[in-house]
Amino acid sequence: MSVRIDITGLRPERITVVPSPLAELGMALHALSEPGHHPGLQGWATGVTARLDSHLADRMCEADFLWRTTFSDLFMPFAGVPGRSTLPGATLADDLDLLDKLSDEQFVDAALEFTCALPYSTGGVSALDDAEVRRRALDLAAARGPQQLRFSERLLADPPRIRDWLRQFARDCDEAFFAEAWSRLRHQLAADARHKTDLLRHKGLAEALAAVSPAVTLDEGAARITVDKLGDGRSATADGGLLLVPTSLGWPHLMVLHRYGWQPVLHYPVGSPELASPPSVEQLTMRMTALSHPVRMRICRNLARSAYTTGELAQVHGMTAPEISRHLSVLKKAQLVTTRRRGRYVLHQLDVTVVARLGSDFLEGILR
């Protein structure tokens, strides 16, 4: 599973690394509504929540599905501006002005994405233009709760009113907590953008993408970027550009905007607390599968305490040496067990560091 971006014909000068104030506000709202996703930000989130005006806190709940479940493309409107080459604004006000450049159809479809599961990677009829799509959108919204239904009804009835609501809400968040946060974060984001831009200019796109995340790879022969994620999607730069947008609040989320007709965007975290490269989704799946077998779990219990030979494990578990060897092979393929030779004996031992990482790796893998 992965998201693939076709970059056939993409010129180097059309690849830009640039922060977005509105995208960072979206991540701030997500971190405030889902602090469990961001353990490193819990202190900040607790402080902001404690001093929030009750009226603003209520409004944050009114449409929190735009940022709680995942991250609405409304926070990256520059990608939807016709021409597929618009960059994020330098200020939050600039980004909000770009939001006004989206058509009503673009705005509504992006707002309904997570509420109503409308088509994303492929084109489709807008709920504003088709009665059947509109009915289905409201049915899906109703199944997700009264808040989503009320918001969707208001959105479909009067898109300009919801545009004004979102713009004012963003301004109020800026005044309440985001302006202070952005004044600190923008320097780190600007420094990261300069670093990635230098890599692009001097070492090429493959090096820059590797610095973004080990989960992002470039196949130069196929002119394709692949992002290792628990989900499938596709996009293409076509006659537009590619944007790399850093976030200081986003770890562990690595997001790809691949909406049909929009400019592709890689929204990636900087300053990740993880020093080691995260495993691929395939590696993570292999490790979880390897540990799901009760016999292998018991073998791991032994190998976590000491090194054993295959014969010793066979004796402990009342199994044959070939049976133990097959289980050890699965554990070694998943990189959970290491081996070393001592004379004519081969000793196996659990890599406790890798197993200990599985908790955070699993979280990162499913949230990526």
Protein backbone atom coordinates (compact mmCIF):
# COMPACT_ATOMS: atom_id res chain seq x y z
CA MET A 1 0.00 0.00 0.00
CA SER A 2 1.29 3.44 -0.89
CA VAL A 3 0.53 6.82 -2.41
CA ARG A 4 2.22 7.37 -5.77
CA ILE A 5 2.91 10.69 -7.48
CA ASP A 6 3.69 10.65 -11.20
CA ILE A 7 6.28 13.39 -11.81
CA THR A 8 6.79 12.83 -15.55
CA GLY A 9 8.07 16.07 -17.10
CA LEU A 10 8.45 17.85 -13.75
CA ARG A 11 11.11 20.53 -14.02
CA PRO A 12 13.42 21.10 -11.02
CA GLU A 13 12.37 24.73 -10.69
CA ARG A 14 8.76 23.62 -10.15
CA ILE A 15 9.67 21.80 -6.92
CA THR A 16 9.35 24.13 -3.94
CA VAL A 17 9.92 23.70 -0.22
CA VAL A 18 7.92 26.28 1.70
CA PRO A 19 6.06 26.51 5.05
CA SER A 20 2.37 27.38 5.24
CA PRO A 21 0.87 29.25 8.23
CA LEU A 22 -2.62 27.91 7.51
CA ALA A 23 -1.37 24.31 7.22
CA GLU A 24 0.42 24.73 10.55
CA LEU A 25 -2.75 26.10 12.12
CA GLY A 26 -4.53 22.98 10.89
CA MET A 27 -1.90 20.81 12.57
CA ALA A 28 -2.23 22.87 15.76
CA LEU A 29 -5.99 22.24 15.79
CA HIS A 30 -5.40 18.54 15.21
CA ALA A 31 -2.88 18.33 18.06
CA LEU A 32 -5.32 20.12 20.38
CA SER A 33 -8.18 17.77 19.52
CA GLU A 34 -6.07 14.57 19.44
CA PRO A 35 -3.23 15.07 21.99
CA GLY A 36 -2.74 11.30 22.14
CA HIS A 37 -1.34 11.42 18.58
CA HIS A 38 1.31 13.90 19.70
CA PRO A 39 2.77 12.99 23.11
CA GLY A 40 5.56 15.54 22.70
CA LEU A 41 3.00 18.35 22.45
CA GLN A 42 0.81 17.44 25.42
CA GLY A 43 2.27 20.18 27.62
CA TRP A 44 1.62 22.82 24.96
CA ALA A 45 -1.86 21.45 24.23
CA THR A 46 -2.78 21.44 27.93
CA GLY A 47 -1.62 25.03 28.33
CA VAL A 48 -3.56 26.26 25.28
CA THR A 49 -6.72 24.38 26.23
CA ALA A 50 -6.63 25.72 29.78
CA ARG A 51 -6.73 29.33 28.65
CA LEU A 52 -9.13 28.99 25.70
CA ASP A 53 -12.24 31.14 25.74
CA SER A 54 -15.25 28.85 26.18
CA HIS A 55 -16.96 30.25 23.08
CA LEU A 56 -13.91 29.53 20.92
CA ALA A 57 -13.62 26.05 22.45
CA ASP A 58 -17.24 25.35 21.46
CA ARG A 59 -16.55 26.50 17.90
CA MET A 60 -13.49 24.23 17.76
CA CYS A 61 -15.85 21.31 18.39
CA GLU A 62 -18.38 22.50 15.80
CA ALA A 63 -16.35 21.34 12.81
CA ASP A 64 -13.51 19.41 14.41
CA PHE A 65 -13.90 16.58 11.90
CA LEU A 66 -12.02 18.86 9.50
CA TRP A 67 -8.87 18.32 11.55
CA ARG A 68 -9.50 15.66 14.24
CA THR A 69 -9.84 12.45 12.20
CA THR A 70 -7.15 13.56 9.77
CA PHE A 71 -6.37 16.81 7.98
CA SER A 72 -8.67 18.64 5.56
CA ASP A 73 -7.22 19.96 2.31
CA LEU A 74 -8.96 23.26 3.13
CA PHE A 75 -5.84 24.03 5.18
CA MET A 76 -3.74 23.87 2.00
CA PRO A 77 -5.86 25.90 -0.46
CA PHE A 78 -2.80 26.96 -2.48
CA ALA A 79 -2.77 23.45 -3.97
CA GLY A 80 -6.23 23.91 -5.46
CA VAL A 81 -5.72 27.29 -7.12
CA PRO A 82 -5.98 26.95 -10.94
CA GLY A 83 -2.62 26.60 -12.65
CA ARG A 84 -1.29 24.20 -9.99
CA SER A 85 1.69 26.44 -9.28
CA THR A 86 0.54 28.71 -6.43
CA LEU A 87 2.72 28.81 -3.30
CA PRO A 88 1.54 29.16 0.31
CA GLY A 89 1.21 32.66 1.68
CA ALA A 90 3.82 34.30 3.88
CA THR A 91 1.21 35.06 6.55
CA LEU A 92 -1.99 33.47 7.78
CA ALA A 93 -3.97 36.29 6.16
CA ASP A 94 -2.29 35.55 2.82
CA ASP A 95 -3.20 31.85 3.09
CA LEU A 96 -6.80 32.73 3.96
CA ASP A 97 -6.94 34.93 0.85
CA LEU A 98 -5.92 31.87 -1.18
CA LEU A 99 -8.82 29.97 0.38
CA ASP A 100 -11.11 32.52 -1.26
CA LYS A 101 -9.67 31.62 -4.68
CA LEU A 102 -11.15 28.10 -4.52
CA SER A 103 -14.43 27.64 -6.35
CA ASP A 104 -17.52 26.78 -4.31
CA GLU A 105 -17.32 23.24 -5.71
CA GLN A 106 -13.69 22.84 -4.60
CA PHE A 107 -14.42 24.27 -1.17
CA VAL A 108 -17.48 22.08 -0.59
CA ASP A 109 -15.84 18.87 -1.84
CA ALA A 110 -12.76 19.44 0.35
CA ALA A 111 -14.93 20.19 3.39
CA LEU A 112 -17.07 17.09 2.84
CA GLU A 113 -14.14 14.75 2.27
CA PHE A 114 -13.89 13.26 5.76
CA THR A 115 -17.51 13.79 6.68
CA CYS A 116 -18.99 12.09 3.67
CA ALA A 117 -16.21 10.08 1.99
CA LEU A 118 -16.66 11.65 -1.44
CA PRO A 119 -14.27 10.69 -4.30
CA TYR A 120 -10.73 11.94 -3.75
CA SER A 121 -8.10 10.65 -6.18
CA THR A 122 -10.55 10.60 -9.09
CA GLY A 123 -12.84 13.25 -10.45
CA GLY A 124 -16.52 13.23 -9.62
CA VAL A 125 -19.70 15.27 -9.66
CA SER A 126 -19.96 17.89 -6.92
CA ALA A 127 -22.66 17.67 -4.30
CA LEU A 128 -23.59 21.22 -5.28
CA ASP A 129 -24.49 20.11 -8.81
CA ASP A 130 -26.03 16.66 -8.41
CA ALA A 131 -29.07 15.90 -6.26
CA GLU A 132 -28.14 12.23 -5.82
CA VAL A 133 -24.59 13.03 -4.71
CA ARG A 134 -26.02 15.65 -2.36
CA ARG A 135 -28.46 13.13 -0.85
CA ARG A 136 -25.70 10.57 -0.38
CA ALA A 137 -23.44 13.18 1.24
CA LEU A 138 -26.12 14.09 3.78
CA ASP A 139 -26.89 10.43 4.50
CA LEU A 140 -23.23 9.73 5.18
CA ALA A 141 -22.96 12.87 7.31
CA ALA A 142 -25.98 11.80 9.38
CA ALA A 143 -24.36 8.43 10.02
CA ARG A 144 -21.36 10.24 11.49
CA GLY A 145 -23.33 12.30 13.95
CA PRO A 146 -25.49 15.40 14.36
CA GLN A 147 -22.57 17.85 14.23
CA GLN A 148 -21.42 16.58 10.85
CA LEU A 149 -24.98 16.62 9.52
CA ARG A 150 -25.66 20.20 10.67
CA PHE A 151 -22.35 21.41 9.23
CA SER A 152 -22.95 19.61 5.92
CA GLU A 153 -26.47 21.02 5.61
CA ARG A 154 -25.21 24.56 6.21
CA LEU A 155 -22.31 24.03 3.83
CA LEU A 156 -24.50 22.79 0.98
CA ALA A 157 -27.13 25.46 1.56
CA ASP A 158 -24.76 28.44 1.76
CA PRO A 159 -21.05 27.85 0.97
CA PRO A 160 -20.10 31.56 1.29
CA ARG A 161 -21.44 31.59 4.84
CA ILE A 162 -19.21 28.64 5.82
CA ARG A 163 -16.24 30.32 4.10
CA ASP A 164 -16.80 33.37 6.29
CA TRP A 165 -17.19 31.15 9.36
CA LEU A 166 -13.89 29.37 8.68
CA ARG A 167 -12.02 32.60 7.96
CA GLN A 168 -13.24 34.22 11.20
CA PHE A 169 -12.54 31.06 13.16
CA ALA A 170 -8.94 31.00 11.87
CA ARG A 171 -8.48 34.65 12.82
CA ASP A 172 -9.81 34.03 16.33
CA CYS A 173 -7.50 31.02 16.76
CA ASP A 174 -4.60 33.18 15.60
CA GLU A 175 -5.39 35.78 18.23
CA ALA A 176 -6.01 33.23 20.99
CA PHE A 177 -2.95 30.97 20.59
CA PHE A 178 -1.59 30.49 17.08
CA ALA A 179 0.21 33.81 16.53
CA GLU A 180 2.37 33.11 19.57
CA ALA A 181 3.12 29.56 18.42
CA TRP A 182 3.83 30.63 14.83
CA SER A 183 6.30 33.30 15.97
CA ARG A 184 8.40 30.46 17.44
CA LEU A 185 7.81 27.74 14.87
CA ARG A 186 8.32 29.72 11.66
CA HIS A 187 12.06 30.03 12.21
CA GLN A 188 12.51 26.24 12.48
CA LEU A 189 10.32 25.71 9.43
CA ALA A 190 12.19 28.33 7.40
CA ALA A 191 15.52 26.73 8.34
CA ASP A 192 14.28 23.30 7.30
CA ALA A 193 12.96 24.70 4.00
CA ARG A 194 16.38 26.24 3.27
CA HIS A 195 18.10 22.94 4.05
CA LYS A 196 15.80 20.89 1.80
CA THR A 197 16.13 23.49 -0.97
CA ASP A 198 19.92 23.23 -0.79
CA LEU A 199 19.65 19.46 -1.07
CA LEU A 200 17.41 19.83 -4.12
CA ARG A 201 19.83 22.19 -5.84
CA HIS A 202 23.07 20.41 -5.05
CA LYS A 203 22.18 16.72 -4.59
CA GLY A 204 18.87 16.27 -6.38
CA LEU A 205 15.32 15.26 -5.62
CA ALA A 206 16.15 11.75 -4.33
CA GLU A 207 18.38 13.15 -1.57
CA ALA A 208 15.82 15.79 -0.62
CA LEU A 209 13.02 13.23 -0.40
CA ALA A 210 15.18 10.91 1.69
CA ALA A 211 15.71 13.81 4.09
CA VAL A 212 11.95 14.41 4.23
CA SER A 213 11.32 10.83 5.40
CA PRO A 214 12.67 7.32 4.84
CA ALA A 215 9.08 6.47 3.87
CA VAL A 216 9.39 8.62 0.72
CA THR A 217 11.32 7.20 -2.23
CA LEU A 218 11.99 8.24 -5.81
CA ASP A 219 12.06 5.91 -8.80
CA GLU A 220 13.84 8.09 -11.33
CA GLY A 221 13.39 5.59 -14.15
CA ALA A 222 9.63 5.48 -13.69
CA ALA A 223 9.45 9.21 -12.79
CA ARG A 224 7.45 8.34 -9.71
CA ILE A 225 7.51 9.26 -6.02
CA THR A 226 6.20 6.57 -3.67
CA VAL A 227 5.11 7.30 -0.10
CA ASP A 228 4.83 4.21 2.10
CA LYS A 229 1.45 4.53 3.84
CA LEU A 230 -1.42 2.36 5.07
CA GLY A 231 -3.57 3.45 2.16
CA ASP A 232 -3.59 3.68 -1.61
CA GLY A 233 -3.69 6.79 -3.75
CA ARG A 234 -2.27 8.35 -6.84
CA SER A 235 -1.62 11.81 -8.23
CA ALA A 236 0.44 13.52 -10.90
CA THR A 237 2.22 16.83 -11.17
CA ALA A 238 1.21 17.03 -14.86
CA ASP A 239 1.80 20.63 -15.98
CA GLY A 240 2.00 21.92 -12.40
CA GLY A 241 4.53 21.70 -9.60
CA LEU A 242 5.31 19.74 -6.45
CA LEU A 243 5.22 21.29 -2.99
CA LEU A 244 7.07 20.10 0.10
CA VAL A 245 5.50 21.73 3.17
CA PRO A 246 7.23 21.23 6.55
CA THR A 247 5.37 21.15 9.87
CA SER A 248 6.77 21.43 13.39
CA LEU A 249 3.56 20.12 14.98
CA GLY A 250 2.88 17.18 12.69
CA TRP A 251 4.95 14.20 13.85
CA PRO A 252 4.21 11.32 13.36
CA HIS A 253 1.93 12.28 10.46
CA LEU A 254 3.40 12.26 6.97
CA MET A 255 0.57 13.39 4.72
CA VAL A 256 0.16 13.51 0.98
CA LEU A 257 -2.35 15.80 -0.69
CA HIS A 258 -3.29 13.88 -3.81
CA ARG A 259 -6.75 15.30 -4.52
CA TYR A 260 -7.81 15.03 -8.14
CA GLY A 261 -6.89 18.19 -10.08
CA TRP A 262 -4.90 19.75 -7.22
CA GLN A 263 -1.17 20.30 -7.01
CA PRO A 264 0.48 17.38 -5.12
CA VAL A 265 1.81 18.27 -1.67
CA LEU A 266 4.05 16.35 0.74
CA HIS A 267 3.27 17.65 4.24
CA TYR A 268 6.08 16.30 6.38
CA PRO A 269 7.19 16.65 10.03
CA VAL A 270 10.48 18.22 11.06
CA GLY A 271 12.24 17.63 14.36
CA SER A 272 10.96 14.07 14.77
CA PRO A 273 11.83 12.61 18.18
CA GLU A 274 12.68 9.30 16.54
CA LEU A 275 16.39 9.10 15.74
CA ALA A 276 16.23 5.72 14.02
CA SER A 277 14.62 5.33 10.60
CA PRO A 278 11.06 4.05 10.95
CA PRO A 279 10.32 0.64 9.45
CA SER A 280 8.25 0.36 6.30
CA VAL A 281 4.62 -0.67 6.58
CA GLU A 282 5.63 -4.04 5.10
CA GLN A 283 8.29 -4.52 7.80
CA LEU A 284 5.87 -3.49 10.53
CA THR A 285 3.24 -5.93 9.23
CA MET A 286 5.83 -8.71 9.09
CA ARG A 287 6.88 -8.06 12.69
CA MET A 288 3.33 -7.97 14.01
CA THR A 289 2.52 -11.18 12.13
CA ALA A 290 5.65 -12.88 13.44
CA LEU A 291 4.73 -12.03 17.03
CA SER A 292 1.08 -13.06 16.65
CA HIS A 293 1.89 -16.81 16.76
CA PRO A 294 1.72 -18.23 20.32
CA VAL A 295 4.75 -20.50 19.83
CA ARG A 296 6.88 -17.65 18.57
CA MET A 297 5.70 -15.52 21.48
CA ARG A 298 6.95 -18.21 23.90
CA ILE A 299 10.23 -18.49 21.99
CA CYS A 300 10.66 -14.71 22.26
CA ARG A 301 10.11 -14.95 26.01
CA ASN A 302 13.11 -17.29 26.25
CA LEU A 303 15.26 -15.31 23.82
CA ALA A 304 14.57 -12.06 25.66
CA ARG A 305 16.31 -13.46 28.73
CA SER A 306 19.26 -15.26 27.19
CA ALA A 307 20.76 -16.65 24.00
CA TYR A 308 19.70 -20.17 23.01
CA THR A 309 20.68 -22.68 20.36
CA THR A 310 18.04 -24.29 18.17
CA GLY A 311 18.50 -27.57 20.02
CA GLU A 312 18.05 -25.94 23.41
CA LEU A 313 14.84 -24.25 22.29
CA ALA A 314 13.56 -27.55 20.87
CA GLN A 315 14.14 -29.21 24.24
CA VAL A 316 12.52 -26.39 26.22
CA HIS A 317 9.40 -26.33 24.03
CA GLY A 318 9.10 -30.04 23.37
CA MET A 319 9.38 -29.58 19.61
CA THR A 320 11.70 -30.84 16.90
CA ALA A 321 14.70 -28.82 15.77
CA PRO A 322 13.23 -28.28 12.25
CA GLU A 323 10.01 -26.92 13.76
CA ILE A 324 11.96 -24.47 15.91
CA SER A 325 14.11 -23.52 12.91
CA ARG A 326 11.00 -22.58 10.90
CA HIS A 327 9.75 -20.31 13.70
CA LEU A 328 13.21 -18.75 14.11
CA SER A 329 13.33 -18.11 10.36
CA VAL A 330 10.11 -16.07 10.58
CA LEU A 331 11.46 -14.07 13.52
CA LYS A 332 14.79 -13.43 11.80
CA LYS A 333 13.10 -12.36 8.56
CA ALA A 334 11.15 -9.82 10.61
CA GLN A 335 14.49 -8.66 12.11
CA LEU A 336 13.32 -9.49 15.62
CA VAL A 337 16.06 -12.04 16.38
CA THR A 338 19.83 -11.79 16.01
CA THR A 339 22.26 -14.68 15.74
CA ARG A 340 25.91 -15.13 16.61
CA ARG A 341 28.28 -18.07 16.42
CA ARG A 342 30.11 -19.48 19.46
CA GLY A 343 32.40 -22.22 18.27
CA ARG A 344 30.26 -24.80 16.53
CA TYR A 345 27.06 -23.47 18.11
CA VAL A 346 24.75 -20.81 16.68
CA LEU A 347 23.06 -18.72 19.37
CA HIS A 348 19.80 -16.81 18.85
CA GLN A 349 18.68 -13.83 20.92
CA LEU A 350 15.76 -11.41 20.79
CA ASP A 351 16.58 -7.87 19.67
CA VAL A 352 14.87 -6.20 22.62
CA THR A 353 15.44 -2.71 21.18
CA VAL A 354 13.44 -3.52 18.04
CA VAL A 355 10.63 -5.13 20.05
CA ALA A 356 10.53 -2.17 22.43
CA ARG A 357 10.14 0.16 19.45
CA LEU A 358 7.13 -1.72 18.14
CA GLY A 359 4.75 0.34 20.25
CA SER A 360 5.87 3.67 18.81
CA ASP A 361 6.53 2.15 15.38
CA PHE A 362 3.00 0.77 15.22
CA LEU A 363 1.59 4.16 16.20
CA GLU A 364 3.74 5.93 13.64
CA GLY A 365 2.89 3.41 10.94
CA ILE A 366 -0.87 3.72 11.30
CA LEU A 367 -0.80 7.52 11.74
CA ARG A 368 1.63 8.20 8.90
